[in-house]
């Protein structure tokens, strides 16, 4: 493996670690938290190939990183905003507001992933 390839892998690894650190904890599903999954996945992706002598598909890893970064930045929420009628169904207009309140959406000043998704 060339020095340039090693440097690129190290940079990607640091970027993934930063992304995982910034990922919000999902208090609604503590046993199936995306942050925990990403932590394990990053370790598997970067450490095992180096130990086993296998190669790392850098293009695929970059593509996955870009997708995760777009999710973290709420790019799709901004591109495809939810309408008020969707967020306040006629059958129960306060459903989502109540749901977010019951989940403690702003406990400790930090919003859960669900609260960030619904924009409250």
Protein backbone atom coordinates (compact mmCIF):
# COMPACT_ATOMS: atom_id res chain seq x y z
CA UNK A 1 0.00 0.00 0.00
CA UNK A 2 1.38 3.39 -0.98
CA UNK A 3 2.00 6.22 1.46
CA UNK A 4 -0.68 8.34 -0.28
CA UNK A 5 -3.26 5.56 0.15
CA UNK A 6 -2.37 5.18 3.82
CA UNK A 7 -2.72 8.93 4.33
CA UNK A 8 -6.12 8.91 2.60
CA UNK A 9 -7.32 6.04 4.79
CA UNK A 10 -6.12 7.81 7.95
CA UNK A 11 -7.93 11.00 6.92
CA UNK A 12 -11.14 9.06 6.22
CA UNK A 13 -10.82 7.29 9.57
CA UNK A 14 -10.49 10.60 11.44
CA UNK A 15 -13.46 12.01 9.52
CA UNK A 16 -15.57 8.98 10.45
CA UNK A 17 -14.59 9.31 14.11
CA UNK A 18 -15.64 12.98 14.10
CA UNK A 19 -18.93 12.11 12.41
CA UNK A 20 -19.69 9.36 14.93
CA UNK A 21 -18.88 11.69 17.81
CA UNK A 22 -21.32 14.30 16.45
CA UNK A 23 -24.08 11.76 15.79
CA UNK A 24 -26.98 12.28 18.23
CA UNK A 25 -27.85 9.57 20.74
CA UNK A 26 -31.32 8.11 20.22
CA UNK A 27 -32.89 8.06 23.68
CA UNK A 28 -36.04 6.42 22.32
CA UNK A 29 -34.13 3.27 21.32
CA UNK A 30 -31.13 2.91 23.63
CA UNK A 31 -30.51 -0.73 22.62
CA UNK A 32 -30.55 0.02 18.88
CA UNK A 33 -28.75 3.31 18.77
CA UNK A 34 -27.29 4.38 15.42
CA UNK A 35 -24.30 5.95 17.15
CA UNK A 36 -23.35 2.61 18.71
CA UNK A 37 -23.80 0.84 15.39
CA UNK A 38 -21.63 3.40 13.59
CA UNK A 39 -18.89 3.08 16.21
CA UNK A 40 -18.71 -0.68 15.67
CA UNK A 41 -18.96 -0.33 11.90
CA UNK A 42 -16.10 2.17 11.71
CA UNK A 43 -13.90 -0.13 13.75
CA UNK A 44 -14.72 -3.10 11.52
CA UNK A 45 -14.25 -1.10 8.34
CA UNK A 46 -10.86 0.40 9.17
CA UNK A 47 -9.12 -1.90 11.63
CA UNK A 48 -9.94 -5.41 10.44
CA UNK A 49 -8.74 -4.97 6.83
CA UNK A 50 -5.45 -3.58 8.07
CA UNK A 51 -4.98 -6.52 10.44
CA UNK A 52 -6.07 -9.17 7.93
CA UNK A 53 -4.07 -7.71 5.04
CA UNK A 54 -7.27 -7.18 3.05
CA UNK A 55 -7.84 -4.12 0.90
CA UNK A 56 -10.23 -1.29 1.65
CA UNK A 57 -12.52 0.02 -1.09
CA UNK A 58 -11.78 3.71 -0.56
CA UNK A 59 -14.35 4.89 -3.11
CA UNK A 60 -17.12 2.93 -1.37
CA UNK A 61 -16.05 4.15 2.08
CA UNK A 62 -16.08 7.77 0.83
CA UNK A 63 -19.55 7.28 -0.66
CA UNK A 64 -20.88 5.92 2.64
CA UNK A 65 -19.25 8.76 4.57
CA UNK A 66 -20.84 11.37 2.29
CA UNK A 67 -24.27 9.79 2.78
CA UNK A 68 -23.90 9.77 6.56
CA UNK A 69 -22.66 13.36 6.56
CA UNK A 70 -25.70 14.44 4.55
CA UNK A 71 -28.00 12.72 7.05
CA UNK A 72 -26.24 14.32 10.00
CA UNK A 73 -26.58 17.77 8.40
CA UNK A 74 -30.34 17.19 7.87
CA UNK A 75 -29.88 17.93 4.19
CA UNK A 76 -32.97 15.97 3.21
CA UNK A 77 -35.15 17.62 5.82
CA UNK A 78 -34.24 20.97 4.35
CA UNK A 79 -34.67 19.77 0.77
CA UNK A 80 -38.01 18.04 1.43
CA UNK A 81 -39.72 19.91 4.30
CA UNK A 82 -42.75 18.34 5.96
CA UNK A 83 -45.99 20.23 5.56
CA UNK A 84 -48.01 21.50 8.51
CA UNK A 85 -50.93 19.31 7.47
CA UNK A 86 -48.72 16.23 7.69
CA UNK A 87 -47.36 17.24 11.08
CA UNK A 88 -50.85 18.04 12.43
CA UNK A 89 -53.19 15.28 11.22
CA UNK A 90 -56.89 16.15 11.39
CA UNK A 91 -57.63 13.10 13.53
CA UNK A 92 -55.15 14.14 16.25
CA UNK A 93 -53.50 17.54 15.61
CA UNK A 94 -51.24 17.42 18.66
CA UNK A 95 -50.02 13.83 18.15
CA UNK A 96 -46.43 14.62 17.17
CA UNK A 97 -46.06 17.42 19.70
CA UNK A 98 -47.22 15.07 22.45
CA UNK A 99 -44.96 12.31 21.19
CA UNK A 100 -41.91 14.55 21.28
CA UNK A 101 -42.80 15.80 24.75
CA UNK A 102 -43.18 12.26 26.05
CA UNK A 103 -39.75 11.34 24.71
CA UNK A 104 -38.13 14.25 26.53
CA UNK A 105 -36.98 15.77 23.25
CA UNK A 106 -34.95 18.52 24.85
CA UNK A 107 -33.69 16.79 27.96
CA UNK A 108 -30.36 18.27 29.03
CA UNK A 109 -30.65 20.86 26.25
CA UNK A 110 -29.92 18.28 23.53
CA UNK A 111 -32.50 17.12 21.04
CA UNK A 112 -32.97 13.47 20.21
CA UNK A 113 -32.76 12.29 16.61
CA UNK A 114 -36.55 12.17 16.45
CA UNK A 115 -36.87 15.74 17.73
CA UNK A 116 -34.31 16.93 15.18
CA UNK A 117 -36.20 15.11 12.43
CA UNK A 118 -39.49 16.78 13.29
CA UNK A 119 -37.81 20.14 13.74
CA UNK A 120 -38.87 20.83 17.33
